[in-house]
Protein backbone atom coordinates (compact mmCIF):
# COMPACT_ATOMS: atom_id res chain seq x y z
CA MET A 1 -15.08 -42.56 -63.44
CA THR A 2 -18.50 -42.44 -61.82
CA ASP A 3 -18.88 -41.06 -58.33
CA THR A 4 -20.42 -43.45 -55.84
CA PRO A 5 -22.31 -42.15 -52.79
CA GLU A 6 -19.13 -42.74 -50.76
CA THR A 7 -16.86 -40.72 -53.06
CA ALA A 8 -19.26 -38.06 -54.29
CA PRO A 9 -18.39 -34.50 -53.22
CA ARG A 10 -20.48 -33.27 -50.29
CA ALA A 11 -22.87 -30.37 -50.87
CA HIS A 12 -23.25 -29.93 -47.11
CA ALA A 13 -22.41 -31.85 -43.96
CA ALA A 14 -24.94 -34.24 -42.47
CA TRP A 15 -26.18 -33.18 -39.04
CA GLU A 16 -24.86 -36.41 -37.53
CA ASP A 17 -21.32 -35.52 -38.62
CA VAL A 18 -21.68 -32.03 -37.15
CA ALA A 19 -22.95 -33.54 -33.88
CA VAL A 20 -19.91 -35.85 -33.69
CA LEU A 21 -17.65 -32.82 -34.13
CA ILE A 22 -19.51 -31.00 -31.34
CA VAL A 23 -19.22 -34.00 -28.99
CA GLY A 24 -15.49 -34.15 -29.79
CA GLY A 25 -15.16 -30.48 -28.89
CA TRP A 26 -17.08 -31.02 -25.66
CA LEU A 27 -14.86 -33.95 -24.68
CA THR A 28 -11.72 -31.94 -25.39
CA PHE A 29 -12.74 -28.98 -23.24
CA SER A 30 -14.99 -30.64 -20.61
CA PRO A 31 -12.42 -31.71 -17.97
CA PRO A 32 -12.08 -28.25 -16.39
CA THR A 33 -15.81 -27.62 -16.73
CA LEU A 34 -16.68 -30.90 -14.98
CA GLU A 35 -13.76 -30.50 -12.56
CA ILE A 36 -12.22 -33.84 -13.54
CA ASN A 37 -8.88 -32.33 -14.54
CA MET A 38 -7.33 -33.52 -11.27
CA ALA A 39 -7.72 -37.16 -12.34
CA VAL A 40 -4.95 -37.46 -14.93
CA LEU A 41 -6.07 -40.74 -16.55
CA ASP A 42 -9.69 -39.58 -16.80
CA THR A 43 -8.66 -36.26 -18.30
CA ALA A 44 -6.12 -37.70 -20.75
CA THR A 45 -8.54 -40.32 -22.05
CA THR A 46 -11.33 -37.80 -22.45
CA VAL A 47 -9.17 -35.24 -24.24
CA ILE A 48 -7.52 -37.80 -26.56
CA ALA A 49 -10.92 -39.25 -27.52
CA GLY A 50 -12.24 -35.73 -28.07
CA LEU A 51 -9.36 -34.81 -30.36
CA ALA A 52 -9.78 -38.07 -32.29
CA LEU A 53 -13.50 -37.34 -32.75
CA ILE A 54 -12.74 -33.80 -33.93
CA VAL A 55 -10.39 -35.17 -36.60
CA LEU A 56 -12.74 -37.98 -37.63
CA GLY A 57 -15.82 -35.75 -37.47
CA GLY A 58 -14.11 -33.14 -39.63
CA GLY A 59 -13.18 -35.81 -42.16
CA SER A 60 -16.73 -37.16 -42.09
CA MET A 61 -18.09 -33.70 -42.84
CA ARG A 62 -16.01 -33.57 -46.03
CA SER A 63 -16.53 -37.16 -47.19
CA ASN A 64 -19.14 -39.89 -47.20
CA ALA A 65 -16.45 -42.55 -46.78
CA VAL A 66 -18.01 -45.28 -44.66
CA TRP A 67 -14.65 -46.20 -43.13
CA LEU A 68 -14.61 -42.79 -41.40
CA LYS A 69 -18.01 -43.50 -39.87
CA TRP A 70 -16.77 -46.91 -38.68
CA ALA A 71 -13.71 -45.25 -37.16
CA VAL A 72 -16.06 -42.93 -35.25
CA ILE A 73 -18.06 -45.97 -34.06
CA VAL A 74 -14.90 -47.70 -32.82
CA THR A 75 -13.72 -44.53 -31.06
CA GLY A 76 -17.13 -44.05 -29.44
CA ALA A 77 -17.30 -47.66 -28.29
CA ALA A 78 -13.78 -47.44 -26.84
CA LEU A 79 -14.74 -44.23 -25.04
CA ALA A 80 -17.91 -45.81 -23.62
CA ILE A 81 -16.04 -48.76 -22.10
CA ALA A 82 -12.87 -46.87 -21.14
CA PRO A 83 -14.04 -45.92 -17.62
CA TRP A 84 -14.33 -49.57 -16.61
CA VAL A 85 -11.33 -50.87 -18.52
CA LEU A 86 -9.02 -48.10 -17.33
CA GLY A 87 -10.63 -47.58 -13.92
CA PHE A 88 -11.66 -43.94 -13.99
CA ALA A 89 -11.47 -42.31 -10.55
CA MET A 90 -14.32 -39.81 -10.81
CA LYS A 91 -18.02 -40.57 -11.24
CA THR A 92 -18.51 -37.44 -13.35
CA ALA A 93 -15.83 -38.60 -15.80
CA ILE A 94 -17.44 -42.05 -16.02
CA ILE A 95 -20.84 -40.58 -16.84
CA ASN A 96 -19.37 -38.08 -19.33
CA ALA A 97 -17.30 -40.67 -21.22
CA THR A 98 -20.06 -43.28 -21.29
CA ALA A 99 -22.81 -40.89 -22.39
CA CYS A 100 -20.65 -39.27 -25.07
CA GLY A 101 -19.39 -42.65 -26.30
CA ILE A 102 -22.90 -44.07 -26.63
CA ALA A 103 -24.13 -40.90 -28.36
CA VAL A 104 -21.27 -40.97 -30.87
CA VAL A 105 -21.84 -44.66 -31.65
CA ALA A 106 -25.54 -44.00 -32.25
CA LEU A 107 -24.88 -40.96 -34.46
CA ALA A 108 -22.27 -42.71 -36.61
CA ALA A 109 -24.35 -45.90 -36.88
CA LEU A 110 -27.32 -43.84 -38.06
CA ARG A 111 -25.13 -42.18 -40.69
CA VAL A 112 -23.79 -45.56 -41.90
CA TYR A 113 -27.37 -46.82 -42.16
CA GLN A 114 -28.38 -43.75 -44.16
CA LEU A 115 -25.44 -44.12 -46.55
CA ARG A 116 -26.09 -47.82 -47.09
CA ASN A 117 -29.79 -47.28 -47.81
CA GLN A 118 -29.79 -44.15 -49.94
CA PRO A 119 -30.96 -44.57 -53.53
CA ALA A 120 -28.30 -44.75 -56.21
CA ALA A 121 -27.76 -41.61 -58.28
CA GLU A 122 -29.31 -41.60 -61.70
CA PRO A 123 -26.62 -42.03 -64.42
CA ALA A 124 -27.83 -38.93 -66.32
CA LYS A 125 -27.45 -36.74 -63.22
CA VAL A 126 -24.01 -38.15 -62.43
CA ALA A 127 -22.83 -37.62 -66.02
CA ALA A 128 -24.20 -34.06 -66.04
CA SER A 129 -22.37 -33.22 -62.82
CA GLN A 130 -18.97 -34.32 -64.16
CA PRO A 131 -16.81 -31.82 -66.03
CA ARG A 132 -16.49 -32.41 -69.74
CA GLN A 133 -13.11 -33.43 -71.08
CA ALA A 134 -11.59 -31.71 -74.08
CA ALA A 135 -11.20 -33.95 -77.13
């Protein structure tokens, strides 16, 4: 079976995937830093989105699966609109969620674009990278 760009093992993580992981970490630990931990809905939404981005970002670092990138885009878009849909109480939480959501959407969309437009691997290189089977 030939590896496609989406299923090929990763030599290293793309910087966009690392950035998504960092944004997820920030969202998870930012409520006390930004002093929004008194607003329960704001804090819960921010932390849950952060944990989701950590999981998805970690998966994206290990795999080029485009569905992971789309899951990051959906999570980021939901985070960006959450302050208005859920009615966040604090202006700082609104700015934090919106900015992080937009950043995550942009990062994941860039990564999807890169994966869709990368050249196909040469068959000789793909065959050489696969382990030989015993006869």
